[in-house]
Amino acid sequence: MIKNHYKSKIPVLFQARAITFGRRIYYLDEIPPKWLIKHEMEHVRQYREHGFIGFLYRYIRDYLRGRFKGLNHHEAYYAIPFEIEARQAERM
């Protein structure tokens, strides 16, 4: 079961509108837009596929690879394969 948390302060810690940990989605907004729900639901799917540790390992590894290649924070974030998939899911 997916657990949604609305008006959460947790996304603020990551300078985000939402963040997903396993099956828990924390939204900054009381009523998040549909595209954001789709984005976060894709992360839930990715956690299921790769496992909690596997997802976090790959996510952080890919972010750090981008940073070591000289990308800034936003460029490295947008280059993470999990984020690319989540952005594609927004349009479905």
PDB file of N, CA and C in Angstrom:
ATOM      1  N   MET A   1       0.847  -1.179   0.000  1.00  0.00           N
ATOM      2  CA  MET A   1       0.000   0.000   0.000  1.00  0.00           C
ATOM      3  C   MET A   1       0.895   1.246   0.000  1.00  0.00           C
ATOM      4  N   ILE A   2       0.522   2.209  -0.800  1.00  0.00           N
ATOM      5  CA  ILE A   2       1.255   3.467  -0.876  1.00  0.00           C
ATOM      6  C   ILE A   2       0.692   4.422   0.156  1.00  0.00           C
ATOM      7  N   LYS A   3       1.582   5.084   0.868  1.00  0.00           N
ATOM      8  CA  LYS A   3       1.172   6.026   1.915  1.00  0.00           C
ATOM      9  C   LYS A   3       1.551   7.430   1.453  1.00  0.00           C
ATOM     10  N   ASN A   4       0.557   8.290   1.293  1.00  0.00           N
ATOM     11  CA  ASN A   4       0.782   9.677   0.892  1.00  0.00           C
ATOM     12  C   ASN A   4       0.729  10.582   2.111  1.00  0.00           C
ATOM     13  N   HIS A   5       1.651  11.528   2.144  1.00  0.00           N
ATOM     14  CA  HIS A   5       1.698  12.521   3.217  1.00  0.00           C
ATOM     15  C   HIS A   5       1.630  13.899   2.553  1.00  0.00           C
ATOM     16  N   TYR A   6       0.617  14.665   2.899  1.00  0.00           N
ATOM     17  CA  TYR A   6       0.424  15.982   2.298  1.00  0.00           C
ATOM     18  C   TYR A   6       0.831  17.075   3.281  1.00  0.00           C
ATOM     19  N   LYS A   7       1.217  18.227   2.723  1.00  0.00           N
ATOM     20  CA  LYS A   7       1.669  19.375   3.508  1.00  0.00           C
ATOM     21  C   LYS A   7       2.817  18.970   4.438  1.00  0.00           C
ATOM     22  N   SER A   8       3.705  18.149   3.921  1.00  0.00           N
ATOM     23  CA  SER A   8       4.844  17.656   4.687  1.00  0.00           C
ATOM     24  C   SER A   8       6.003  18.642   4.595  1.00  0.00           C
ATOM     25  N   LYS A   9       6.798  18.706   5.628  1.00  0.00           N
ATOM     26  CA  LYS A   9       7.992  19.558   5.638  1.00  0.00           C
ATOM     27  C   LYS A   9       9.204  18.813   5.065  1.00  0.00           C
ATOM     28  N   ILE A  10       9.117  17.505   4.919  1.00  0.00           N
ATOM     29  CA  ILE A  10      10.265  16.714   4.461  1.00  0.00           C
ATOM     30  C   ILE A  10      10.784  17.172   3.095  1.00  0.00           C
ATOM     31  N   PRO A  11       9.928  17.446   2.097  1.00  0.00           N
ATOM     32  CA  PRO A  11      10.476  17.897   0.812  1.00  0.00           C
ATOM     33  C   PRO A  11      11.310  19.176   0.922  1.00  0.00           C
ATOM     34  N   VAL A  12      10.985  20.025   1.875  1.00  0.00           N
ATOM     35  CA  VAL A  12      11.725  21.277   2.048  1.00  0.00           C
ATOM     36  C   VAL A  12      13.196  20.985   2.332  1.00  0.00           C
ATOM     37  N   LEU A  13      13.457  19.937   3.096  1.00  0.00           N
ATOM     38  CA  LEU A  13      14.837  19.572   3.425  1.00  0.00           C
ATOM     39  C   LEU A  13      15.654  19.253   2.181  1.00  0.00           C
ATOM     40  N   PHE A  14      14.973  18.827   1.121  1.00  0.00           N
ATOM     41  CA  PHE A  14      15.635  18.457  -0.128  1.00  0.00           C
ATOM     42  C   PHE A  14      15.385  19.489  -1.232  1.00  0.00           C
ATOM     43  N   GLN A  15      14.839  20.628  -0.867  1.00  0.00           N
ATOM     44  CA  GLN A  15      14.499  21.693  -1.816  1.00  0.00           C
ATOM     45  C   GLN A  15      13.660  21.142  -2.970  1.00  0.00           C
ATOM     46  N   ALA A  16      12.624  20.385  -2.611  1.00  0.00           N
ATOM     47  CA  ALA A  16      11.772  19.733  -3.606  1.00  0.00           C
ATOM     48  C   ALA A  16      10.301  19.953  -3.266  1.00  0.00           C
ATOM     49  N   ARG A  17       9.429  19.676  -4.224  1.00  0.00           N
ATOM     50  CA  ARG A  17       7.976  19.742  -3.988  1.00  0.00           C
ATOM     51  C   ARG A  17       7.441  18.428  -3.464  1.00  0.00           C
ATOM     52  N   ALA A  18       8.224  17.350  -3.682  1.00  0.00           N
ATOM     53  CA  ALA A  18       7.829  16.023  -3.203  1.00  0.00           C
ATOM     54  C   ALA A  18       9.068  15.146  -3.156  1.00  0.00           C
ATOM     55  N   ILE A  19       8.990  14.106  -2.349  1.00  0.00           N
ATOM     56  CA  ILE A  19      10.073  13.119  -2.298  1.00  0.00           C
ATOM     57  C   ILE A  19       9.473  11.773  -1.929  1.00  0.00           C
ATOM     58  N   THR A  20      10.033  10.731  -2.505  1.00  0.00           N
ATOM     59  CA  THR A  20       9.532   9.377  -2.277  1.00  0.00           C
ATOM     60  C   THR A  20      10.604   8.539  -1.609  1.00  0.00           C
ATOM     61  N   PHE A  21      10.201   7.807  -0.582  1.00  0.00           N
ATOM     62  CA  PHE A  21      11.056   6.816   0.068  1.00  0.00           C
ATOM     63  C   PHE A  21      10.276   5.510   0.094  1.00  0.00           C
ATOM     64  N   GLY A  22      10.627   4.594  -0.775  1.00  0.00           N
ATOM     65  CA  GLY A  22       9.904   3.328  -0.845  1.00  0.00           C
ATOM     66  C   GLY A  22       8.472   3.539  -1.299  1.00  0.00           C
ATOM     67  N   ARG A  23       7.515   3.208  -0.423  1.00  0.00           N
ATOM     68  CA  ARG A  23       6.092   3.382  -0.745  1.00  0.00           C
ATOM     69  C   ARG A  23       5.506   4.625  -0.084  1.00  0.00           C
ATOM     70  N   ARG A  24       6.345   5.457   0.482  1.00  0.00           N
ATOM     71  CA  ARG A  24       5.875   6.687   1.134  1.00  0.00           C
ATOM     72  C   ARG A  24       6.232   7.899   0.275  1.00  0.00           C
ATOM     73  N   ILE A  25       5.206   8.671  -0.057  1.00  0.00           N
ATOM     74  CA  ILE A  25       5.399   9.884  -0.849  1.00  0.00           C
ATOM     75  C   ILE A  25       5.058  11.076   0.035  1.00  0.00           C
ATOM     76  N   TYR A  26       5.990  12.005   0.122  1.00  0.00           N
ATOM     77  CA  TYR A  26       5.812  13.208   0.931  1.00  0.00           C
ATOM     78  C   TYR A  26       5.674  14.395  -0.013  1.00  0.00           C
ATOM     79  N   TYR A  27       4.509  15.039   0.037  1.00  0.00           N
ATOM     80  CA  TYR A  27       4.221  16.192  -0.813  1.00  0.00           C
ATOM     81  C   TYR A  27       4.260  17.470   0.011  1.00  0.00           C
ATOM     82  N   LEU A  28       4.836  18.505  -0.561  1.00  0.00           N
ATOM     83  CA  LEU A  28       4.810  19.820   0.058  1.00  0.00           C
ATOM     84  C   LEU A  28       3.405  20.414  -0.032  1.00  0.00           C
ATOM     85  N   ASP A  29       2.735  20.158  -1.149  1.00  0.00           N
ATOM     86  CA  ASP A  29       1.405  20.714  -1.398  1.00  0.00           C
ATOM     87  C   ASP A  29       0.310  19.899  -0.710  1.00  0.00           C
ATOM     88  N   GLU A  30      -0.760  20.578  -0.377  1.00  0.00           N
ATOM     89  CA  GLU A  30      -1.935  19.877   0.154  1.00  0.00           C
ATOM     90  C   GLU A  30      -2.620  19.078  -0.954  1.00  0.00           C
ATOM     91  N   ILE A  31      -2.660  19.679  -2.157  1.00  0.00           N
ATOM     92  CA  ILE A  31      -3.226  18.999  -3.325  1.00  0.00           C
ATOM     93  C   ILE A  31      -2.171  19.087  -4.435  1.00  0.00           C
ATOM     94  N   PRO A  32      -1.351  18.052  -4.580  1.00  0.00           N
ATOM     95  CA  PRO A  32      -0.297  18.106  -5.597  1.00  0.00           C
ATOM     96  C   PRO A  32      -0.870  17.981  -7.006  1.00  0.00           C
ATOM     97  N   PRO A  33      -0.204  18.606  -7.990  1.00  0.00           N
ATOM     98  CA  PRO A  33      -0.669  18.487  -9.374  1.00  0.00           C
ATOM     99  C   PRO A  33      -0.512  17.049  -9.879  1.00  0.00           C
ATOM    100  N   LYS A  34      -1.327  16.706 -10.869  1.00  0.00           N
ATOM    101  CA  LYS A  34      -1.329  15.327 -11.393  1.00  0.00           C
ATOM    102  C   LYS A  34       0.030  14.908 -11.935  1.00  0.00           C
ATOM    103  N   TRP A  35       0.727  15.820 -12.604  1.00  0.00           N
ATOM    104  CA  TRP A  35       2.033  15.462 -13.158  1.00  0.00           C
ATOM    105  C   TRP A  35       3.002  15.057 -12.054  1.00  0.00           C
ATOM    106  N   LEU A  36       2.916  15.725 -10.897  1.00  0.00           N
ATOM    107  CA  LEU A  36       3.814  15.411  -9.788  1.00  0.00           C
ATOM    108  C   LEU A  36       3.463  14.056  -9.164  1.00  0.00           C
ATOM    109  N   ILE A  37       2.186  13.768  -9.082  1.00  0.00           N
ATOM    110  CA  ILE A  37       1.759  12.457  -8.574  1.00  0.00           C
ATOM    111  C   ILE A  37       2.294  11.356  -9.492  1.00  0.00           C
ATOM    112  N   LYS A  38       2.177  11.543 -10.808  1.00  0.00           N
ATOM    113  CA  LYS A  38       2.690  10.555 -11.759  1.00  0.00           C
ATOM    114  C   LYS A  38       4.203  10.389 -11.615  1.00  0.00           C
ATOM    115  N   HIS A  39       4.891  11.506 -11.441  1.00  0.00           N
ATOM    116  CA  HIS A  39       6.346  11.494 -11.275  1.00  0.00           C
ATOM    117  C   HIS A  39       6.729  10.658 -10.052  1.00  0.00           C
ATOM    118  N   GLU A  40       6.095  10.936  -8.935  1.00  0.00           N
ATOM    119  CA  GLU A  40       6.428  10.224  -7.693  1.00  0.00           C
ATOM    120  C   GLU A  40       5.987   8.764  -7.742  1.00  0.00           C
ATOM    121  N   MET A  41       4.884   8.482  -8.411  1.00  0.00           N
ATOM    122  CA  MET A  41       4.446   7.092  -8.550  1.00  0.00           C
ATOM    123  C   MET A  41       5.453   6.280  -9.374  1.00  0.00           C
ATOM    124  N   GLU A  42       6.110   6.925 -10.315  1.00  0.00           N
ATOM    125  CA  GLU A  42       7.166   6.240 -11.062  1.00  0.00           C
ATOM    126  C   GLU A  42       8.322   5.890 -10.127  1.00  0.00           C
ATOM    127  N   HIS A  43       8.641   6.771  -9.200  1.00  0.00           N
ATOM    128  CA  HIS A  43       9.692   6.447  -8.228  1.00  0.00           C
ATOM    129  C   HIS A  43       9.272   5.268  -7.345  1.00  0.00           C
ATOM    130  N   VAL A  44       8.007   5.195  -6.982  1.00  0.00           N
ATOM    131  CA  VAL A  44       7.515   4.037  -6.214  1.00  0.00           C
ATOM    132  C   VAL A  44       7.754   2.762  -7.027  1.00  0.00           C
ATOM    133  N   ARG A  45       7.443   2.805  -8.306  1.00  0.00           N
ATOM    134  CA  ARG A  45       7.668   1.645  -9.176  1.00  0.00           C
ATOM    135  C   ARG A  45       9.158   1.281  -9.227  1.00  0.00           C
ATOM    136  N   GLN A  46      10.006   2.297  -9.322  1.00  0.00           N
ATOM    137  CA  GLN A  46      11.450   2.058  -9.370  1.00  0.00           C
ATOM    138  C   GLN A  46      11.953   1.427  -8.068  1.00  0.00           C
ATOM    139  N   TYR A  47      11.444   1.899  -6.938  1.00  0.00           N
ATOM    140  CA  TYR A  47      11.811   1.289  -5.655  1.00  0.00           C
ATOM    141  C   TYR A  47      11.403  -0.183  -5.637  1.00  0.00           C
ATOM    142  N   ARG A  48      10.212  -0.475  -6.139  1.00  0.00           N
ATOM    143  CA  ARG A  48       9.750  -1.877  -6.177  1.00  0.00           C
ATOM    144  C   ARG A  48      10.678  -2.733  -7.032  1.00  0.00           C
ATOM    145  N   GLU A  49      11.075  -2.201  -8.157  1.00  0.00           N
ATOM    146  CA  GLU A  49      11.912  -2.954  -9.090  1.00  0.00           C
ATOM    147  C   GLU A  49      13.325  -3.184  -8.550  1.00  0.00           C
ATOM    148  N   HIS A  50      13.903  -2.173  -7.927  1.00  0.00           N
ATOM    149  CA  HIS A  50      15.309  -2.230  -7.521  1.00  0.00           C
ATOM    150  C   HIS A  50      15.517  -2.453  -6.028  1.00  0.00           C
ATOM    151  N   GLY A  51      14.443  -2.377  -5.249  1.00  0.00           N
ATOM    152  CA  GLY A  51      14.572  -2.476  -3.798  1.00  0.00           C
ATOM    153  C   GLY A  51      14.978  -1.134  -3.207  1.00  0.00           C
ATOM    154  N   PHE A  52      14.755  -0.984  -1.911  1.00  0.00           N
ATOM    155  CA  PHE A  52      15.005   0.304  -1.257  1.00  0.00           C
ATOM    156  C   PHE A  52      16.476   0.706  -1.375  1.00  0.00           C
ATOM    157  N   ILE A  53      17.368  -0.187  -0.957  1.00  0.00           N
ATOM    158  CA  ILE A  53      18.800   0.116  -0.993  1.00  0.00           C
ATOM    159  C   ILE A  53      19.293   0.219  -2.434  1.00  0.00           C
ATOM    160  N   GLY A  54      18.829  -0.675  -3.293  1.00  0.00           N
ATOM    161  CA  GLY A  54      19.247  -0.644  -4.689  1.00  0.00           C
ATOM    162  C   GLY A  54      18.873   0.655  -5.380  1.00  0.00           C
ATOM    163  N   PHE A  55      17.659   1.136  -5.116  1.00  0.00           N
ATOM    164  CA  PHE A  55      17.228   2.399  -5.713  1.00  0.00           C
ATOM    165  C   PHE A  55      18.107   3.538  -5.215  1.00  0.00           C
ATOM    166  N   LEU A  56      18.248   3.654  -3.895  1.00  0.00           N
ATOM    167  CA  LEU A  56      19.032   4.761  -3.336  1.00  0.00           C
ATOM    168  C   LEU A  56      20.481   4.713  -3.800  1.00  0.00           C
ATOM    169  N   TYR A  57      21.052   3.512  -3.841  1.00  0.00           N
ATOM    170  CA  TYR A  57      22.438   3.372  -4.300  1.00  0.00           C
ATOM    171  C   TYR A  57      22.588   3.904  -5.722  1.00  0.00           C
ATOM    172  N   ARG A  58      21.731   3.444  -6.627  1.00  0.00           N
ATOM    173  CA  ARG A  58      21.819   3.868  -8.026  1.00  0.00           C
ATOM    174  C   ARG A  58      21.552   5.366  -8.175  1.00  0.00           C
ATOM    175  N   TYR A  59      20.567   5.855  -7.444  1.00  0.00           N
ATOM    176  CA  TYR A  59      20.198   7.270  -7.532  1.00  0.00           C
ATOM    177  C   TYR A  59      21.375   8.153  -7.124  1.00  0.00           C
ATOM    178  N   ILE A  60      21.954   7.857  -5.962  1.00  0.00           N
ATOM    179  CA  ILE A  60      23.073   8.663  -5.455  1.00  0.00           C
ATOM    180  C   ILE A  60      24.304   8.483  -6.338  1.00  0.00           C
ATOM    181  N   ARG A  61      24.578   7.251  -6.752  1.00  0.00           N
ATOM    182  CA  ARG A  61      25.722   6.982  -7.636  1.00  0.00           C
ATOM    183  C   ARG A  61      25.617   7.797  -8.923  1.00  0.00           C
ATOM    184  N   ASP A  62      24.444   7.787  -9.551  1.00  0.00           N
ATOM    185  CA  ASP A  62      24.274   8.496 -10.814  1.00  0.00           C
ATOM    186  C   ASP A  62      24.361  10.003 -10.624  1.00  0.00           C
ATOM    187  N   TYR A  63      23.845  10.501  -9.515  1.00  0.00           N
ATOM    188  CA  TYR A  63      23.965  11.934  -9.228  1.00  0.00           C
ATOM    189  C   TYR A  63      25.442  12.308  -9.064  1.00  0.00           C
ATOM    190  N   LEU A  64      26.167  11.536  -8.265  1.00  0.00           N
ATOM    191  CA  LEU A  64      27.582  11.842  -8.018  1.00  0.00           C
ATOM    192  C   LEU A  64      28.417  11.718  -9.288  1.00  0.00           C
ATOM    193  N   ARG A  65      28.101  10.768 -10.141  1.00  0.00           N
ATOM    194  CA  ARG A  65      28.806  10.655 -11.426  1.00  0.00           C
ATOM    195  C   ARG A  65      28.668  11.945 -12.225  1.00  0.00           C
ATOM    196  N   GLY A  66      27.459  12.472 -12.245  1.00  0.00           N
ATOM    197  CA  GLY A  66      27.241  13.732 -12.948  1.00  0.00           C
ATOM    198  C   GLY A  66      28.039  14.865 -12.348  1.00  0.00           C
ATOM    199  N   ARG A  67      28.061  14.930 -11.039  1.00  0.00           N
ATOM    200  CA  ARG A  67      28.812  15.999 -10.365  1.00  0.00           C
ATOM    201  C   ARG A  67      30.310  15.875 -10.656  1.00  0.00           C
ATOM    202  N   PHE A  68      30.835  14.648 -10.618  1.00  0.00           N
ATOM    203  CA  PHE A  68      32.260  14.439 -10.895  1.00  0.00           C
ATOM    204  C   PHE A  68      32.611  14.733 -12.350  1.00  0.00           C
ATOM    205  N   LYS A  69      31.627  14.662 -13.228  1.00  0.00           N
ATOM    206  CA  LYS A  69      31.845  15.028 -14.636  1.00  0.00           C
ATOM    207  C   LYS A  69      31.808  16.540 -14.836  1.00  0.00           C
ATOM    208  N   GLY A  70      31.517  17.276 -13.770  1.00  0.00           N
ATOM    209  CA  GLY A  70      31.499  18.727 -13.857  1.00  0.00           C
ATOM    210  C   GLY A  70      30.120  19.339 -13.996  1.00  0.00           C
ATOM    211  N   LEU A  71      29.074  18.520 -13.919  1.00  0.00           N
ATOM    212  CA  LEU A  71      27.720  19.068 -13.994  1.00  0.00           C
ATOM    213  C   LEU A  71      27.376  19.780 -12.695  1.00  0.00           C
ATOM    214  N   ASN A  72      26.581  20.835 -12.787  1.00  0.00           N
ATOM    215  CA  ASN A  72      26.115  21.487 -11.567  1.00  0.00           C
ATOM    216  C   ASN A  72      24.992  20.648 -10.953  1.00  0.00           C
ATOM    217  N   HIS A  73      24.496  21.075  -9.799  1.00  0.00           N
ATOM    218  CA  HIS A  73      23.481  20.291  -9.086  1.00  0.00           C
ATOM    219  C   HIS A  73      22.280  19.966  -9.978  1.00  0.00           C
ATOM    220  N   HIS A  74      21.732  20.981 -10.628  1.00  0.00           N
ATOM    221  CA  HIS A  74      20.521  20.768 -11.428  1.00  0.00           C
ATOM    222  C   HIS A  74      20.791  19.883 -12.646  1.00  0.00           C
ATOM    223  N   GLU A  75      21.920  20.093 -13.297  1.00  0.00           N
ATOM    224  CA  GLU A  75      22.260  19.260 -14.452  1.00  0.00           C
ATOM    225  C   GLU A  75      22.443  17.798 -14.044  1.00  0.00           C
ATOM    226  N   ALA A  76      23.126  17.578 -12.918  1.00  0.00           N
ATOM    227  CA  ALA A  76      23.342  16.207 -12.429  1.00  0.00           C
ATOM    228  C   ALA A  76      22.018  15.559 -12.049  1.00  0.00           C
ATOM    229  N   TYR A  77      21.129  16.329 -11.413  1.00  0.00           N
ATOM    230  CA  TYR A  77      19.808  15.819 -11.033  1.00  0.00           C
ATOM    231  C   TYR A  77      19.008  15.414 -12.273  1.00  0.00           C
ATOM    232  N   TYR A  78      18.969  16.294 -13.276  1.00  0.00           N
ATOM    233  CA  TYR A  78      18.186  16.004 -14.478  1.00  0.00           C
ATOM    234  C   TYR A  78      18.773  14.863 -15.304  1.00  0.00           C
ATOM    235  N   ALA A  79      20.057  14.545 -15.104  1.00  0.00           N
ATOM    236  CA  ALA A  79      20.704  13.463 -15.845  1.00  0.00           C
ATOM    237  C   ALA A  79      20.538  12.095 -15.184  1.00  0.00           C
ATOM    238  N   ILE A  80      20.007  12.032 -13.976  1.00  0.00           N
ATOM    239  CA  ILE A  80      19.811  10.759 -13.286  1.00  0.00           C
ATOM    240  C   ILE A  80      18.787   9.938 -14.075  1.00  0.00           C
ATOM    241  N   PRO A  81      19.131   8.716 -14.481  1.00  0.00           N
ATOM    242  CA  PRO A  81      18.179   7.908 -15.264  1.00  0.00           C
ATOM    243  C   PRO A  81      16.812   7.736 -14.594  1.00  0.00           C
ATOM    244  N   PHE A  82      16.771   7.572 -13.277  1.00  0.00           N
ATOM    245  CA  PHE A  82      15.478   7.451 -12.593  1.00  0.00           C
ATOM    246  C   PHE A  82      14.648   8.720 -12.758  1.00  0.00           C
ATOM    247  N   GLU A  83      15.292   9.880 -12.767  1.00  0.00           N
ATOM    248  CA  GLU A  83      14.559  11.141 -12.950  1.00  0.00           C
ATOM    249  C   GLU A  83      14.087  11.291 -14.390  1.00  0.00           C
ATOM    250  N   ILE A  84      14.886  10.832 -15.321  1.00  0.00           N
ATOM    251  CA  ILE A  84      14.469  10.871 -16.728  1.00  0.00           C
ATOM    252  C   ILE A  84      13.209  10.026 -16.914  1.00  0.00           C
ATOM    253  N   GLU A  85      13.207   8.819 -16.339  1.00  0.00           N
ATOM    254  CA  GLU A  85      12.022   7.955 -16.421  1.00  0.00           C
ATOM    255  C   GLU A  85      10.817   8.601 -15.743  1.00  0.00           C
ATOM    256  N   ALA A  86      11.040   9.229 -14.598  1.00  0.00           N
ATOM    257  CA  ALA A  86       9.931   9.858 -13.868  1.00  0.00           C
ATOM    258  C   ALA A  86       9.357  11.031 -14.662  1.00  0.00           C
ATOM    259  N   ARG A  87      10.216  11.796 -15.334  1.00  0.00           N
ATOM    260  CA  ARG A  87       9.711  12.900 -16.163  1.00  0.00           C
ATOM    261  C   ARG A  87       8.913  12.362 -17.345  1.00  0.00           C
ATOM    262  N   GLN A  88       9.336  11.239 -17.904  1.00  0.00           N
ATOM    263  CA  GLN A  88       8.569  10.623 -18.995  1.00  0.00           C
ATOM    264  C   GLN A  88       7.204  10.157 -18.494  1.00  0.00           C
ATOM    265  N   ALA A  89       7.158   9.636 -17.282  1.00  0.00           N
ATOM    266  CA  ALA A  89       5.891   9.159 -16.701  1.00  0.00           C
ATOM    267  C   ALA A  89       4.912  10.308 -16.474  1.00  0.00           C
ATOM    268  N   GLU A  90       5.426  11.519 -16.264  1.00  0.00           N
ATOM    269  CA  GLU A  90       4.556  12.685 -16.053  1.00  0.00           C
ATOM    270  C   GLU A  90       3.623  12.896 -17.239  1.00  0.00           C
ATOM    271  N   ARG A  91       4.074  12.551 -18.426  1.00  0.00           N
ATOM    272  CA  ARG A  91       3.326  12.817 -19.657  1.00  0.00           C
ATOM    273  C   ARG A  91       2.368  11.698 -20.030  1.00  0.00           C
ATOM    274  N   MET A  92       2.335  10.638 -19.269  1.00  0.00           N
ATOM    275  CA  MET A  92       1.464   9.499 -19.596  1.00  0.00           C
ATOM    276  C   MET A  92       0.091   9.682 -18.998  1.00  0.00           C
TER     277      MET A  92
END
